[in-house]
């Protein structure tokens, strides 16, 4: 059965499969390019903040947030 983990950190998750392929097993990341993952996360964050239409504090928040 598919499930979504919403409240967990890396120590709470033992095994992860994405599209049927193991990504994490026995608590260890298997073969992901973590530099690419980080780059994609930063790009996604920046895109979300660029398109933000909420309160004006986002510019200061963007400077404080680093992944």
PDB file of N, CA and C in Angstrom:
ATOM      1  N   UNK A   1       0.833  -1.185   0.000  1.00  0.00           N
ATOM      2  CA  UNK A   1       0.000   0.000   0.000  1.00  0.00           C
ATOM      3  C   UNK A   1       0.875   1.244   0.000  1.00  0.00           C
ATOM      4  N   UNK A   2       0.570   2.213  -0.834  1.00  0.00           N
ATOM      5  CA  UNK A   2       1.343   3.454  -0.839  1.00  0.00           C
ATOM      6  C   UNK A   2       1.090   4.248   0.437  1.00  0.00           C
ATOM      7  N   UNK A   3       2.097   4.934   0.870  1.00  0.00           N
ATOM      8  CA  UNK A   3       1.969   5.754   2.076  1.00  0.00           C
ATOM      9  C   UNK A   3       2.802   7.011   1.912  1.00  0.00           C
ATOM     10  N   UNK A   4       2.422   8.023   2.659  1.00  0.00           N
ATOM     11  CA  UNK A   4       3.163   9.278   2.656  1.00  0.00           C
ATOM     12  C   UNK A   4       3.629   9.543   4.073  1.00  0.00           C
ATOM     13  N   UNK A   5       4.899   9.837   4.228  1.00  0.00           N
ATOM     14  CA  UNK A   5       5.450  10.188   5.534  1.00  0.00           C
ATOM     15  C   UNK A   5       5.359  11.694   5.663  1.00  0.00           C
ATOM     16  N   UNK A   6       4.643  12.166   6.680  1.00  0.00           N
ATOM     17  CA  UNK A   6       4.480  13.608   6.826  1.00  0.00           C
ATOM     18  C   UNK A   6       5.244  14.172   8.008  1.00  0.00           C
ATOM     19  N   UNK A   7       5.410  13.416   9.045  1.00  0.00           N
ATOM     20  CA  UNK A   7       6.122  13.893  10.231  1.00  0.00           C
ATOM     21  C   UNK A   7       7.235  12.913  10.564  1.00  0.00           C
ATOM     22  N   UNK A   8       8.376  13.127   9.976  1.00  0.00           N
ATOM     23  CA  UNK A   8       9.496  12.227  10.210  1.00  0.00           C
ATOM     24  C   UNK A   8      10.790  12.957   9.908  1.00  0.00           C
ATOM     25  N   UNK A   9      11.859  12.454  10.469  1.00  0.00           N
ATOM     26  CA  UNK A   9      13.173  12.931  10.067  1.00  0.00           C
ATOM     27  C   UNK A   9      13.935  11.718   9.552  1.00  0.00           C
ATOM     28  N   UNK A  10      15.165  11.909   9.163  1.00  0.00           N
ATOM     29  CA  UNK A  10      15.895  10.809   8.525  1.00  0.00           C
ATOM     30  C   UNK A  10      16.092   9.605   9.430  1.00  0.00           C
ATOM     31  N   UNK A  11      16.011   9.773  10.736  1.00  0.00           N
ATOM     32  CA  UNK A  11      16.191   8.634  11.639  1.00  0.00           C
ATOM     33  C   UNK A  11      14.919   7.811  11.782  1.00  0.00           C
ATOM     34  N   UNK A  12      13.763   8.378  11.415  1.00  0.00           N
ATOM     35  CA  UNK A  12      12.501   7.656  11.527  1.00  0.00           C
ATOM     36  C   UNK A  12      12.180   6.821  10.298  1.00  0.00           C
ATOM     37  N   UNK A  13      12.941   6.975   9.230  1.00  0.00           N
ATOM     38  CA  UNK A  13      12.626   6.294   7.974  1.00  0.00           C
ATOM     39  C   UNK A  13      13.712   5.267   7.673  1.00  0.00           C
ATOM     40  N   UNK A  14      13.304   4.007   7.583  1.00  0.00           N
ATOM     41  CA  UNK A  14      14.260   2.932   7.342  1.00  0.00           C
ATOM     42  C   UNK A  14      14.406   2.636   5.847  1.00  0.00           C
ATOM     43  N   UNK A  15      13.276   2.548   5.127  1.00  0.00           N
ATOM     44  CA  UNK A  15      13.295   2.132   3.734  1.00  0.00           C
ATOM     45  C   UNK A  15      12.374   3.020   2.904  1.00  0.00           C
ATOM     46  N   UNK A  16      12.855   3.417   1.717  1.00  0.00           N
ATOM     47  CA  UNK A  16      12.068   4.254   0.805  1.00  0.00           C
ATOM     48  C   UNK A  16      12.195   3.686  -0.601  1.00  0.00           C
ATOM     49  N   UNK A  17      11.054   3.574  -1.290  1.00  0.00           N
ATOM     50  CA  UNK A  17      11.019   3.181  -2.694  1.00  0.00           C
ATOM     51  C   UNK A  17      10.388   4.318  -3.486  1.00  0.00           C
ATOM     52  N   UNK A  18      10.954   4.641  -4.640  1.00  0.00           N
ATOM     53  CA  UNK A  18      10.384   5.635  -5.549  1.00  0.00           C
ATOM     54  C   UNK A  18      10.216   4.955  -6.895  1.00  0.00           C
ATOM     55  N   UNK A  19       8.980   4.947  -7.376  1.00  0.00           N
ATOM     56  CA  UNK A  19       8.653   4.287  -8.646  1.00  0.00           C
ATOM     57  C   UNK A  19       9.156   2.845  -8.665  1.00  0.00           C
ATOM     58  N   UNK A  20       9.043   2.185  -7.529  1.00  0.00           N
ATOM     59  CA  UNK A  20       9.425   0.785  -7.431  1.00  0.00           C
ATOM     60  C   UNK A  20      10.899   0.510  -7.216  1.00  0.00           C
ATOM     61  N   UNK A  21      11.711   1.550  -7.205  1.00  0.00           N
ATOM     62  CA  UNK A  21      13.154   1.373  -7.024  1.00  0.00           C
ATOM     63  C   UNK A  21      13.560   1.796  -5.615  1.00  0.00           C
ATOM     64  N   UNK A  22      14.399   0.994  -4.941  1.00  0.00           N
ATOM     65  CA  UNK A  22      14.824   1.373  -3.592  1.00  0.00           C
ATOM     66  C   UNK A  22      15.732   2.597  -3.622  1.00  0.00           C
ATOM     67  N   UNK A  23      15.424   3.560  -2.765  1.00  0.00           N
ATOM     68  CA  UNK A  23      16.226   4.774  -2.639  1.00  0.00           C
ATOM     69  C   UNK A  23      16.991   4.753  -1.322  1.00  0.00           C
ATOM     70  N   UNK A  24      16.353   4.191  -0.303  1.00  0.00           N
ATOM     71  CA  UNK A  24      16.964   4.095   1.019  1.00  0.00           C
ATOM     72  C   UNK A  24      16.633   2.721   1.586  1.00  0.00           C
ATOM     73  N   UNK A  25      17.620   2.052   2.139  1.00  0.00           N
ATOM     74  CA  UNK A  25      17.403   0.741   2.743  1.00  0.00           C
ATOM     75  C   UNK A  25      18.253   0.634   4.000  1.00  0.00           C
ATOM     76  N   UNK A  26      17.671   0.029   5.031  1.00  0.00           N
ATOM     77  CA  UNK A  26      18.362  -0.121   6.314  1.00  0.00           C
ATOM     78  C   UNK A  26      18.892   1.225   6.808  1.00  0.00           C
ATOM     79  N   UNK A  27      18.137   2.293   6.524  1.00  0.00           N
ATOM     80  CA  UNK A  27      18.511   3.616   7.015  1.00  0.00           C
ATOM     81  C   UNK A  27      19.572   4.337   6.215  1.00  0.00           C
ATOM     82  N   UNK A  28      20.012   3.768   5.096  1.00  0.00           N
ATOM     83  CA  UNK A  28      21.093   4.377   4.311  1.00  0.00           C
ATOM     84  C   UNK A  28      20.629   4.730   2.904  1.00  0.00           C
ATOM     85  N   UNK A  29      21.013   5.936   2.430  1.00  0.00           N
ATOM     86  CA  UNK A  29      20.749   6.342   1.057  1.00  0.00           C
ATOM     87  C   UNK A  29      21.588   5.434   0.154  1.00  0.00           C
ATOM     88  N   UNK A  30      21.007   4.923  -0.906  1.00  0.00           N
ATOM     89  CA  UNK A  30      21.710   3.943  -1.731  1.00  0.00           C
ATOM     90  C   UNK A  30      22.582   4.572  -2.815  1.00  0.00           C
ATOM     91  N   UNK A  31      21.990   5.205  -3.803  1.00  0.00           N
ATOM     92  CA  UNK A  31      22.842   5.612  -4.927  1.00  0.00           C
ATOM     93  C   UNK A  31      22.422   6.948  -5.538  1.00  0.00           C
ATOM     94  N   UNK A  32      21.917   7.839  -4.753  1.00  0.00           N
ATOM     95  CA  UNK A  32      21.500   9.126  -5.308  1.00  0.00           C
ATOM     96  C   UNK A  32      22.661  10.099  -5.365  1.00  0.00           C
ATOM     97  N   UNK A  33      22.612  10.936  -6.360  1.00  0.00           N
ATOM     98  CA  UNK A  33      23.581  12.018  -6.513  1.00  0.00           C
ATOM     99  C   UNK A  33      23.117  13.163  -5.610  1.00  0.00           C
ATOM    100  N   UNK A  34      23.634  13.219  -4.389  1.00  0.00           N
ATOM    101  CA  UNK A  34      23.161  14.184  -3.403  1.00  0.00           C
ATOM    102  C   UNK A  34      23.456  15.624  -3.816  1.00  0.00           C
ATOM    103  N   UNK A  35      24.504  15.857  -4.581  1.00  0.00           N
ATOM    104  CA  UNK A  35      24.758  17.220  -5.070  1.00  0.00           C
ATOM    105  C   UNK A  35      23.641  17.653  -6.015  1.00  0.00           C
ATOM    106  N   UNK A  36      23.205  16.747  -6.874  1.00  0.00           N
ATOM    107  CA  UNK A  36      22.099  17.054  -7.792  1.00  0.00           C
ATOM    108  C   UNK A  36      20.806  17.267  -7.012  1.00  0.00           C
ATOM    109  N   UNK A  37      20.553  16.412  -6.028  1.00  0.00           N
ATOM    110  CA  UNK A  37      19.351  16.544  -5.200  1.00  0.00           C
ATOM    111  C   UNK A  37      19.333  17.911  -4.522  1.00  0.00           C
ATOM    112  N   UNK A  38      20.468  18.317  -3.957  1.00  0.00           N
ATOM    113  CA  UNK A  38      20.555  19.610  -3.284  1.00  0.00           C
ATOM    114  C   UNK A  38      20.307  20.749  -4.280  1.00  0.00           C
ATOM    115  N   UNK A  39      20.937  20.667  -5.453  1.00  0.00           N
ATOM    116  CA  UNK A  39      20.777  21.705  -6.476  1.00  0.00           C
ATOM    117  C   UNK A  39      19.317  21.837  -6.892  1.00  0.00           C
ATOM    118  N   UNK A  40      18.652  20.709  -7.112  1.00  0.00           N
ATOM    119  CA  UNK A  40      17.242  20.737  -7.501  1.00  0.00           C
ATOM    120  C   UNK A  40      16.372  21.314  -6.386  1.00  0.00           C
ATOM    121  N   UNK A  41      16.690  20.992  -5.138  1.00  0.00           N
ATOM    122  CA  UNK A  41      15.924  21.533  -4.015  1.00  0.00           C
ATOM    123  C   UNK A  41      16.085  23.043  -3.917  1.00  0.00           C
ATOM    124  N   UNK A  42      17.309  23.538  -4.095  1.00  0.00           N
ATOM    125  CA  UNK A  42      17.562  24.977  -4.047  1.00  0.00           C
ATOM    126  C   UNK A  42      16.839  25.674  -5.201  1.00  0.00           C
ATOM    127  N   UNK A  43      16.898  25.109  -6.410  1.00  0.00           N
ATOM    128  CA  UNK A  43      16.205  25.691  -7.552  1.00  0.00           C
ATOM    129  C   UNK A  43      14.698  25.730  -7.315  1.00  0.00           C
ATOM    130  N   UNK A  44      14.146  24.678  -6.752  1.00  0.00           N
ATOM    131  CA  UNK A  44      12.717  24.623  -6.469  1.00  0.00           C
ATOM    132  C   UNK A  44      12.339  25.677  -5.438  1.00  0.00           C
ATOM    133  N   UNK A  45      13.120  25.778  -4.370  1.00  0.00           N
ATOM    134  CA  UNK A  45      12.862  26.794  -3.345  1.00  0.00           C
ATOM    135  C   UNK A  45      12.893  28.188  -3.950  1.00  0.00           C
ATOM    136  N   UNK A  46      13.912  28.465  -4.747  1.00  0.00           N
ATOM    137  CA  UNK A  46      14.053  29.792  -5.347  1.00  0.00           C
ATOM    138  C   UNK A  46      12.885  30.103  -6.281  1.00  0.00           C
ATOM    139  N   UNK A  47      12.443  29.115  -7.068  1.00  0.00           N
ATOM    140  CA  UNK A  47      11.315  29.314  -7.974  1.00  0.00           C
ATOM    141  C   UNK A  47      10.038  29.609  -7.181  1.00  0.00           C
ATOM    142  N   UNK A  48       9.812  28.873  -6.099  1.00  0.00           N
ATOM    143  CA  UNK A  48       8.635  29.113  -5.270  1.00  0.00           C
ATOM    144  C   UNK A  48       8.661  30.510  -4.661  1.00  0.00           C
ATOM    145  N   UNK A  49       9.821  30.925  -4.175  1.00  0.00           N
ATOM    146  CA  UNK A  49       9.915  32.243  -3.554  1.00  0.00           C
ATOM    147  C   UNK A  49       9.791  33.366  -4.580  1.00  0.00           C
ATOM    148  N   UNK A  50      10.295  33.157  -5.788  1.00  0.00           N
ATOM    149  CA  UNK A  50      10.158  34.166  -6.849  1.00  0.00           C
ATOM    150  C   UNK A  50       8.694  34.406  -7.194  1.00  0.00           C
ATOM    151  N   UNK A  51       7.893  33.350  -7.170  1.00  0.00           N
ATOM    152  CA  UNK A  51       6.492  33.444  -7.551  1.00  0.00           C
ATOM    153  C   UNK A  51       5.566  33.713  -6.366  1.00  0.00           C
ATOM    154  N   UNK A  52       6.120  33.937  -5.202  1.00  0.00           N
ATOM    155  CA  UNK A  52       5.336  34.150  -3.993  1.00  0.00           C
ATOM    156  C   UNK A  52       4.538  35.432  -4.095  1.00  0.00           C
ATOM    157  N   UNK A  53       3.259  35.366  -3.727  1.00  0.00           N
ATOM    158  CA  UNK A  53       2.432  36.566  -3.756  1.00  0.00           C
ATOM    159  C   UNK A  53       1.919  36.923  -2.366  1.00  0.00           C
ATOM    160  N   UNK A  54       2.523  36.331  -1.351  1.00  0.00           N
ATOM    161  CA  UNK A  54       2.089  36.565   0.025  1.00  0.00           C
ATOM    162  C   UNK A  54       2.771  37.781   0.637  1.00  0.00           C
ATOM    163  N   UNK A  55       2.865  37.794   1.965  1.00  0.00           N
ATOM    164  CA  UNK A  55       3.448  38.932   2.686  1.00  0.00           C
ATOM    165  C   UNK A  55       4.866  39.260   2.210  1.00  0.00           C
ATOM    166  N   UNK A  56       5.259  40.511   2.381  1.00  0.00           N
ATOM    167  CA  UNK A  56       6.540  40.989   1.882  1.00  0.00           C
ATOM    168  C   UNK A  56       7.765  40.488   2.611  1.00  0.00           C
ATOM    169  N   UNK A  57       7.620  39.700   3.652  1.00  0.00           N
ATOM    170  CA  UNK A  57       8.789  39.224   4.379  1.00  0.00           C
ATOM    171  C   UNK A  57       9.527  38.121   3.656  1.00  0.00           C
ATOM    172  N   UNK A  58       9.044  37.657   2.545  1.00  0.00           N
ATOM    173  CA  UNK A  58       9.655  36.525   1.848  1.00  0.00           C
ATOM    174  C   UNK A  58      11.075  36.841   1.399  1.00  0.00           C
ATOM    175  N   UNK A  59      11.340  38.073   0.966  1.00  0.00           N
ATOM    176  CA  UNK A  59      12.703  38.418   0.528  1.00  0.00           C
ATOM    177  C   UNK A  59      13.693  38.232   1.664  1.00  0.00           C
ATOM    178  N   UNK A  60      13.346  38.652   2.859  1.00  0.00           N
ATOM    179  CA  UNK A  60      14.265  38.459   3.985  1.00  0.00           C
ATOM    180  C   UNK A  60      14.352  36.995   4.360  1.00  0.00           C
ATOM    181  N   UNK A  61      13.243  36.272   4.242  1.00  0.00           N
ATOM    182  CA  UNK A  61      13.252  34.849   4.541  1.00  0.00           C
ATOM    183  C   UNK A  61      14.146  34.094   3.569  1.00  0.00           C
ATOM    184  N   UNK A  62      14.105  34.444   2.300  1.00  0.00           N
ATOM    185  CA  UNK A  62      14.918  33.777   1.284  1.00  0.00           C
ATOM    186  C   UNK A  62      16.398  33.923   1.602  1.00  0.00           C
ATOM    187  N   UNK A  63      16.799  35.064   2.137  1.00  0.00           N
ATOM    188  CA  UNK A  63      18.209  35.259   2.476  1.00  0.00           C
ATOM    189  C   UNK A  63      18.618  34.397   3.674  1.00  0.00           C
ATOM    190  N   UNK A  64      17.664  34.091   4.554  1.00  0.00           N
ATOM    191  CA  UNK A  64      17.967  33.313   5.759  1.00  0.00           C
ATOM    192  C   UNK A  64      17.965  31.819   5.499  1.00  0.00           C
ATOM    193  N   UNK A  65      17.188  31.365   4.530  1.00  0.00           N
ATOM    194  CA  UNK A  65      17.024  29.931   4.272  1.00  0.00           C
ATOM    195  C   UNK A  65      18.159  29.430   3.412  1.00  0.00           C
ATOM    196  N   UNK A  66      18.821  28.395   3.871  1.00  0.00           N
ATOM    197  CA  UNK A  66      19.811  27.742   3.019  1.00  0.00           C
ATOM    198  C   UNK A  66      19.666  26.252   3.214  1.00  0.00           C
ATOM    199  N   UNK A  67      19.758  25.538   2.116  1.00  0.00           N
ATOM    200  CA  UNK A  67      19.585  24.073   2.154  1.00  0.00           C
ATOM    201  C   UNK A  67      20.955  23.442   2.066  1.00  0.00           C
TER     202      UNK A  67
END
